[in-house]
Amino acid sequence: MESSIDAIRIQIKKAEPVLKVLDARMESIVFDPLSPSSVDAANAEIAQVFKELLAPSSANPILGPLAAELQSQYLENVQSQVSDAKML
């Protein structure tokens, strides 16, 4: 019989490769923070990556709850870069 600790370890092991791919894909998104169309494209790409990578894992108790929070953080990062670029 699997303990709850064992179940959590299994879920984390399943989540780890997805999170690594997610990180790599997010790092590869390049955009011009002063170009609205470029920013829109970056936001759309972020949404698409999350849809591709995390939708299939939505039942995973580790990835499911993290998905919305992570996506929000990536989108906020884009917006922060836009704000910073406008200040220069």
Foldseek 3Di string as FASTA:
>chain_A
DADPVNVVVVLVVVVVVLVVVLVVQLVPQDFDLQDPVRLVVNLVSLVVSLCVRQVVVLVRPVRVVCSVVVNVVSNVVSVVVSVVVVVD
